[in-house]
């Protein structure tokens, strides 16, 4: 059988852990001009301590007091993660941009429900994920996304695995579809289903200092 297609698009909401379909519900965050890191659809984002300043508007929306989010920097910031970007408002100065460019004000539409299951690809660069790892926790590789498609390039770090509660992802299952099989080597890039294992909206999460 041919190797799985290597298609990095970050994290994609597919359903709730109960099996019910994800209904597209999101919360709106401000990707603030003070944030020098670009943001892409499919990125996991974390809570930023700032909020929208008085007089800040994006695409006609008053952003005063709106919470801000920034692209997660990886495993160590898991407790601050709020969810996954599923949409970005148009850039008022460049309508061709599909991502949020660094240091610009944009609205981020973020799936924050902690019961949502996401599909994401593994890196499989050294040791691929196996079926015996279901229920294990994993870290994230935060490669920058594509400025052409606007999609994230975040993938799951297959070697950053443990039972520890501090890692940001928990493996639920392999994605079941005809173009996806378990990896047999480092050229295969299997898609798996994950839930956020740590995050700002988790019932027992810590507050932001």
C-alpha atoms as a PDB file:
ATOM      1  CA  UNK A   1       0.000   0.000   0.000  1.00  0.00           C
ATOM      2  CA  UNK A   2       1.247   3.482  -0.833  1.00  0.00           C
ATOM      3  CA  UNK A   3       2.408   5.811   1.920  1.00  0.00           C
ATOM      4  CA  UNK A   4      -0.098   8.226   3.388  1.00  0.00           C
ATOM      5  CA  UNK A   5      -0.168  11.674   1.812  1.00  0.00           C
ATOM      6  CA  UNK A   6       1.951  14.210   3.695  1.00  0.00           C
ATOM      7  CA  UNK A   7      -0.556  17.063   4.051  1.00  0.00           C
ATOM      8  CA  UNK A   8       0.038  19.351   7.035  1.00  0.00           C
ATOM      9  CA  UNK A   9      -3.018  21.483   7.787  1.00  0.00           C
ATOM     10  CA  UNK A  10      -2.806  21.704  11.563  1.00  0.00           C
ATOM     11  CA  UNK A  11      -5.770  20.703  13.699  1.00  0.00           C
ATOM     12  CA  UNK A  12      -9.267  20.255  12.259  1.00  0.00           C
ATOM     13  CA  UNK A  13     -12.383  19.890  14.468  1.00  0.00           C
ATOM     14  CA  UNK A  14     -14.336  16.790  13.454  1.00  0.00           C
ATOM     15  CA  UNK A  15     -16.737  15.871  16.270  1.00  0.00           C
ATOM     16  CA  UNK A  16     -17.330  15.907  20.018  1.00  0.00           C
ATOM     17  CA  UNK A  17     -15.932  13.102  22.161  1.00  0.00           C
ATOM     18  CA  UNK A  18     -19.516  11.872  22.659  1.00  0.00           C
ATOM     19  CA  UNK A  19     -19.770  11.208  18.917  1.00  0.00           C
ATOM     20  CA  UNK A  20     -22.093  14.121  18.184  1.00  0.00           C
ATOM     21  CA  UNK A  21     -21.058  16.382  15.277  1.00  0.00           C
ATOM     22  CA  UNK A  22     -19.226  19.630  15.922  1.00  0.00           C
ATOM     23  CA  UNK A  23     -21.709  22.419  15.221  1.00  0.00           C
ATOM     24  CA  UNK A  24     -19.188  25.084  14.207  1.00  0.00           C
ATOM     25  CA  UNK A  25     -19.514  27.113  17.423  1.00  0.00           C
ATOM     26  CA  UNK A  26     -16.571  29.455  18.085  1.00  0.00           C
ATOM     27  CA  UNK A  27     -15.440  32.298  20.312  1.00  0.00           C
ATOM     28  CA  UNK A  28     -13.962  35.453  18.806  1.00  0.00           C
ATOM     29  CA  UNK A  29     -10.462  36.531  19.818  1.00  0.00           C
ATOM     30  CA  UNK A  30      -8.294  39.404  18.727  1.00  0.00           C
ATOM     31  CA  UNK A  31      -5.012  38.586  17.050  1.00  0.00           C
ATOM     32  CA  UNK A  32      -3.408  41.838  18.129  1.00  0.00           C
ATOM     33  CA  UNK A  33      -0.976  44.075  16.269  1.00  0.00           C
ATOM     34  CA  UNK A  34       1.339  43.745  19.246  1.00  0.00           C
ATOM     35  CA  UNK A  35       1.751  40.025  18.462  1.00  0.00           C
ATOM     36  CA  UNK A  36       4.737  39.530  16.138  1.00  0.00           C
ATOM     37  CA  UNK A  37       3.913  35.878  15.411  1.00  0.00           C
ATOM     38  CA  UNK A  38       1.721  35.087  12.383  1.00  0.00           C
ATOM     39  CA  UNK A  39      -1.396  32.946  12.870  1.00  0.00           C
ATOM     40  CA  UNK A  40      -2.867  30.309  10.550  1.00  0.00           C
ATOM     41  CA  UNK A  41      -6.108  28.332  10.262  1.00  0.00           C
ATOM     42  CA  UNK A  42      -5.602  25.070  12.147  1.00  0.00           C
ATOM     43  CA  UNK A  43      -3.208  26.574  14.699  1.00  0.00           C
ATOM     44  CA  UNK A  44      -3.630  25.883  18.384  1.00  0.00           C
ATOM     45  CA  UNK A  45      -3.641  29.256  20.111  1.00  0.00           C
ATOM     46  CA  UNK A  46      -3.099  30.231  23.711  1.00  0.00           C
ATOM     47  CA  UNK A  47      -4.511  32.954  25.909  1.00  0.00           C
ATOM     48  CA  UNK A  48      -2.666  36.252  25.773  1.00  0.00           C
ATOM     49  CA  UNK A  49      -2.714  38.459  28.864  1.00  0.00           C
ATOM     50  CA  UNK A  50      -3.752  41.489  26.790  1.00  0.00           C
ATOM     51  CA  UNK A  51      -7.218  42.565  25.664  1.00  0.00           C
ATOM     52  CA  UNK A  52      -8.358  44.871  22.886  1.00  0.00           C
ATOM     53  CA  UNK A  53      -7.660  48.544  23.586  1.00  0.00           C
ATOM     54  CA  UNK A  54     -10.318  51.235  23.402  1.00  0.00           C
ATOM     55  CA  UNK A  55     -10.781  52.451  19.859  1.00  0.00           C
ATOM     56  CA  UNK A  56      -9.489  49.233  18.238  1.00  0.00           C
ATOM     57  CA  UNK A  57     -11.726  48.042  15.407  1.00  0.00           C
ATOM     58  CA  UNK A  58     -11.237  45.176  12.967  1.00  0.00           C
ATOM     59  CA  UNK A  59     -13.422  44.931   9.888  1.00  0.00           C
ATOM     60  CA  UNK A  60     -15.935  47.221  11.574  1.00  0.00           C
ATOM     61  CA  UNK A  61     -16.022  45.237  14.838  1.00  0.00           C
ATOM     62  CA  UNK A  62     -15.331  47.081  18.088  1.00  0.00           C
ATOM     63  CA  UNK A  63     -12.560  45.111  19.811  1.00  0.00           C
ATOM     64  CA  UNK A  64     -12.426  47.015  23.092  1.00  0.00           C
ATOM     65  CA  UNK A  65     -12.008  44.460  25.870  1.00  0.00           C
ATOM     66  CA  UNK A  66     -11.944  41.514  23.454  1.00  0.00           C
ATOM     67  CA  UNK A  67      -9.638  38.744  24.725  1.00  0.00           C
ATOM     68  CA  UNK A  68      -6.514  38.165  22.672  1.00  0.00           C
ATOM     69  CA  UNK A  69      -4.889  34.930  21.562  1.00  0.00           C
ATOM     70  CA  UNK A  70      -1.498  34.072  20.134  1.00  0.00           C
ATOM     71  CA  UNK A  71      -0.081  30.997  18.437  1.00  0.00           C
ATOM     72  CA  UNK A  72       1.001  28.408  20.998  1.00  0.00           C
ATOM     73  CA  UNK A  73       4.727  27.960  21.393  1.00  0.00           C
ATOM     74  CA  UNK A  74       4.438  24.266  22.146  1.00  0.00           C
ATOM     75  CA  UNK A  75       4.337  21.725  24.925  1.00  0.00           C
ATOM     76  CA  UNK A  76       5.324  23.941  27.847  1.00  0.00           C
ATOM     77  CA  UNK A  77       2.428  26.348  27.287  1.00  0.00           C
ATOM     78  CA  UNK A  78      -0.300  23.720  27.284  1.00  0.00           C
ATOM     79  CA  UNK A  79      -2.144  25.147  30.288  1.00  0.00           C
ATOM     80  CA  UNK A  80      -2.683  28.442  28.432  1.00  0.00           C
ATOM     81  CA  UNK A  81      -4.069  26.887  25.230  1.00  0.00           C
ATOM     82  CA  UNK A  82      -7.640  27.977  24.485  1.00  0.00           C
ATOM     83  CA  UNK A  83      -8.425  26.064  21.293  1.00  0.00           C
ATOM     84  CA  UNK A  84      -7.964  25.891  17.537  1.00  0.00           C
ATOM     85  CA  UNK A  85      -8.325  28.672  14.939  1.00  0.00           C
ATOM     86  CA  UNK A  86     -10.995  27.701  12.395  1.00  0.00           C
ATOM     87  CA  UNK A  87     -11.369  31.092  10.703  1.00  0.00           C
ATOM     88  CA  UNK A  88      -9.729  34.508  10.385  1.00  0.00           C
ATOM     89  CA  UNK A  89     -11.367  37.811   9.436  1.00  0.00           C
ATOM     90  CA  UNK A  90     -10.268  39.421   6.149  1.00  0.00           C
ATOM     91  CA  UNK A  91      -7.306  41.802   6.252  1.00  0.00           C
ATOM     92  CA  UNK A  92      -8.711  45.273   5.680  1.00  0.00           C
ATOM     93  CA  UNK A  93      -5.559  46.330   3.813  1.00  0.00           C
ATOM     94  CA  UNK A  94      -4.890  43.142   1.828  1.00  0.00           C
ATOM     95  CA  UNK A  95      -7.883  40.961   0.972  1.00  0.00           C
ATOM     96  CA  UNK A  96      -5.664  38.327  -0.655  1.00  0.00           C
ATOM     97  CA  UNK A  97      -4.153  37.236   2.685  1.00  0.00           C
ATOM     98  CA  UNK A  98      -5.543  33.950   3.977  1.00  0.00           C
ATOM     99  CA  UNK A  99      -3.596  33.963   7.257  1.00  0.00           C
ATOM    100  CA  UNK A 100      -3.091  36.615   9.950  1.00  0.00           C
ATOM    101  CA  UNK A 101       0.185  38.334   9.146  1.00  0.00           C
ATOM    102  CA  UNK A 102       2.493  39.168  12.058  1.00  0.00           C
ATOM    103  CA  UNK A 103       1.891  42.456  13.866  1.00  0.00           C
ATOM    104  CA  UNK A 104      -1.587  43.062  12.414  1.00  0.00           C
ATOM    105  CA  UNK A 105      -5.014  43.270  14.038  1.00  0.00           C
ATOM    106  CA  UNK A 106      -7.259  40.422  12.893  1.00  0.00           C
ATOM    107  CA  UNK A 107     -10.223  38.579  14.375  1.00  0.00           C
ATOM    108  CA  UNK A 108      -9.574  34.911  15.156  1.00  0.00           C
ATOM    109  CA  UNK A 109     -12.526  32.515  15.293  1.00  0.00           C
ATOM    110  CA  UNK A 110     -11.514  29.811  17.743  1.00  0.00           C
ATOM    111  CA  UNK A 111     -13.093  26.468  18.639  1.00  0.00           C
ATOM    112  CA  UNK A 112     -12.697  26.403  22.438  1.00  0.00           C
ATOM    113  CA  UNK A 113     -14.964  23.525  23.519  1.00  0.00           C
ATOM    114  CA  UNK A 114     -12.765  21.086  25.505  1.00  0.00           C
ATOM    115  CA  UNK A 115     -14.893  18.128  24.345  1.00  0.00           C
ATOM    116  CA  UNK A 116     -14.101  18.619  20.642  1.00  0.00           C
ATOM    117  CA  UNK A 117     -11.991  15.978  18.864  1.00  0.00           C
ATOM    118  CA  UNK A 118      -9.439  17.211  16.302  1.00  0.00           C
ATOM    119  CA  UNK A 119      -7.723  15.466  13.434  1.00  0.00           C
ATOM    120  CA  UNK A 120      -4.003  16.119  12.965  1.00  0.00           C
ATOM    121  CA  UNK A 121      -1.081  14.479  11.221  1.00  0.00           C
ATOM    122  CA  UNK A 122       1.901  12.958  13.027  1.00  0.00           C
ATOM    123  CA  UNK A 123       5.490  13.730  12.055  1.00  0.00           C
ATOM    124  CA  UNK A 124       6.638  10.061  12.154  1.00  0.00           C
ATOM    125  CA  UNK A 125      10.201  11.313  11.728  1.00  0.00           C
ATOM    126  CA  UNK A 126      11.798   8.763  14.056  1.00  0.00           C
ATOM    127  CA  UNK A 127       9.217   6.457  15.581  1.00  0.00           C
ATOM    128  CA  UNK A 128       5.637   6.473  14.225  1.00  0.00           C
ATOM    129  CA  UNK A 129       2.607   6.380  16.500  1.00  0.00           C
ATOM    130  CA  UNK A 130       1.248   2.847  16.977  1.00  0.00           C
ATOM    131  CA  UNK A 131      -2.164   1.522  17.972  1.00  0.00           C
ATOM    132  CA  UNK A 132      -0.732   0.632  21.399  1.00  0.00           C
ATOM    133  CA  UNK A 133      -0.315   4.357  22.117  1.00  0.00           C
ATOM    134  CA  UNK A 134      -4.052   5.152  22.219  1.00  0.00           C
ATOM    135  CA  UNK A 135      -4.704   7.179  25.369  1.00  0.00           C
ATOM    136  CA  UNK A 136      -1.137   8.500  25.549  1.00  0.00           C
ATOM    137  CA  UNK A 137      -0.309  12.209  25.588  1.00  0.00           C
ATOM    138  CA  UNK A 138       1.768  14.022  22.983  1.00  0.00           C
ATOM    139  CA  UNK A 139       3.500  17.300  22.254  1.00  0.00           C
ATOM    140  CA  UNK A 140       3.173  19.612  19.261  1.00  0.00           C
ATOM    141  CA  UNK A 141       5.649  20.711  16.591  1.00  0.00           C
ATOM    142  CA  UNK A 142       4.886  24.360  15.835  1.00  0.00           C
ATOM    143  CA  UNK A 143       6.268  24.798  12.316  1.00  0.00           C
ATOM    144  CA  UNK A 144       5.031  28.044  10.733  1.00  0.00           C
ATOM    145  CA  UNK A 145       2.083  27.702   8.369  1.00  0.00           C
ATOM    146  CA  UNK A 146       1.665  28.473   4.671  1.00  0.00           C
ATOM    147  CA  UNK A 147       1.287  32.084   3.551  1.00  0.00           C
ATOM    148  CA  UNK A 148      -0.169  30.748   0.274  1.00  0.00           C
ATOM    149  CA  UNK A 149      -2.995  28.568   1.616  1.00  0.00           C
ATOM    150  CA  UNK A 150      -3.315  30.231   5.027  1.00  0.00           C
ATOM    151  CA  UNK A 151      -3.269  26.784   6.649  1.00  0.00           C
ATOM    152  CA  UNK A 152      -1.318  25.711   9.706  1.00  0.00           C
ATOM    153  CA  UNK A 153       1.664  23.371   9.514  1.00  0.00           C
ATOM    154  CA  UNK A 154       1.422  22.246  13.132  1.00  0.00           C
ATOM    155  CA  UNK A 155       1.809  18.493  13.519  1.00  0.00           C
ATOM    156  CA  UNK A 156       1.973  16.016  16.383  1.00  0.00           C
ATOM    157  CA  UNK A 157       5.412  15.130  17.706  1.00  0.00           C
ATOM    158  CA  UNK A 158       5.349  11.327  17.650  1.00  0.00           C
ATOM    159  CA  UNK A 159       8.402  11.026  19.904  1.00  0.00           C
ATOM    160  CA  UNK A 160       7.170  13.517  22.525  1.00  0.00           C
ATOM    161  CA  UNK A 161       4.977  10.935  24.242  1.00  0.00           C
ATOM    162  CA  UNK A 162       4.234  10.245  27.904  1.00  0.00           C
ATOM    163  CA  UNK A 163       1.440   9.549  30.338  1.00  0.00           C
ATOM    164  CA  UNK A 164       2.028  12.924  31.986  1.00  0.00           C
ATOM    165  CA  UNK A 165      -0.904  15.314  32.273  1.00  0.00           C
ATOM    166  CA  UNK A 166       1.242  18.277  31.224  1.00  0.00           C
ATOM    167  CA  UNK A 167       1.458  17.361  27.524  1.00  0.00           C
ATOM    168  CA  UNK A 168      -1.157  19.253  25.475  1.00  0.00           C
ATOM    169  CA  UNK A 169      -2.711  16.411  23.425  1.00  0.00           C
ATOM    170  CA  UNK A 170      -4.330  13.055  24.181  1.00  0.00           C
ATOM    171  CA  UNK A 171      -4.599  10.419  21.465  1.00  0.00           C
ATOM    172  CA  UNK A 172      -8.159   9.156  20.923  1.00  0.00           C
ATOM    173  CA  UNK A 173      -7.962   7.035  17.746  1.00  0.00           C
ATOM    174  CA  UNK A 174      -6.579   6.781  14.243  1.00  0.00           C
ATOM    175  CA  UNK A 175      -8.684   8.651  11.686  1.00  0.00           C
ATOM    176  CA  UNK A 176     -10.679   6.002   9.832  1.00  0.00           C
ATOM    177  CA  UNK A 177     -10.780   6.673   6.104  1.00  0.00           C
ATOM    178  CA  UNK A 178      -9.582   5.056   2.892  1.00  0.00           C
ATOM    179  CA  UNK A 179      -6.499   7.257   2.463  1.00  0.00           C
ATOM    180  CA  UNK A 180      -5.113   6.712   5.964  1.00  0.00           C
ATOM    181  CA  UNK A 181      -3.253   3.744   7.444  1.00  0.00           C
ATOM    182  CA  UNK A 182      -0.929   3.222  10.401  1.00  0.00           C
ATOM    183  CA  UNK A 183       2.617   4.280   9.629  1.00  0.00           C
ATOM    184  CA  UNK A 184       5.109   1.551   8.820  1.00  0.00           C
ATOM    185  CA  UNK A 185       8.067   3.919   8.567  1.00  0.00           C
ATOM    186  CA  UNK A 186       9.173   7.517   8.598  1.00  0.00           C
ATOM    187  CA  UNK A 187       7.741   8.254   5.136  1.00  0.00           C
ATOM    188  CA  UNK A 188       4.168   7.533   6.245  1.00  0.00           C
ATOM    189  CA  UNK A 189       2.280  10.422   7.834  1.00  0.00           C
ATOM    190  CA  UNK A 190      -0.794   9.049   9.587  1.00  0.00           C
ATOM    191  CA  UNK A 191      -3.710  11.270  10.650  1.00  0.00           C
ATOM    192  CA  UNK A 192      -4.977  10.707  14.176  1.00  0.00           C
ATOM    193  CA  UNK A 193      -7.753  12.044  16.377  1.00  0.00           C
ATOM    194  CA  UNK A 194      -6.848  14.004  19.509  1.00  0.00           C
ATOM    195  CA  UNK A 195      -8.481  15.996  22.266  1.00  0.00           C
ATOM    196  CA  UNK A 196      -6.785  18.875  24.056  1.00  0.00           C
ATOM    197  CA  UNK A 197      -5.333  17.386  27.212  1.00  0.00           C
ATOM    198  CA  UNK A 198      -4.474  20.709  28.825  1.00  0.00           C
ATOM    199  CA  UNK A 199      -5.968  24.112  28.303  1.00  0.00           C
ATOM    200  CA  UNK A 200      -7.447  27.293  29.659  1.00  0.00           C
ATOM    201  CA  UNK A 201     -11.038  26.015  29.422  1.00  0.00           C
ATOM    202  CA  UNK A 202     -10.399  22.644  31.055  1.00  0.00           C
ATOM    203  CA  UNK A 203     -12.435  22.211  34.282  1.00  0.00           C
ATOM    204  CA  UNK A 204      -9.328  21.832  36.440  1.00  0.00           C
ATOM    205  CA  UNK A 205      -7.016  24.207  34.601  1.00  0.00           C
ATOM    206  CA  UNK A 206      -4.982  26.828  36.414  1.00  0.00           C
ATOM    207  CA  UNK A 207      -5.572  30.534  35.947  1.00  0.00           C
ATOM    208  CA  UNK A 208      -3.291  32.860  34.041  1.00  0.00           C
ATOM    209  CA  UNK A 209      -0.953  34.770  36.317  1.00  0.00           C
END
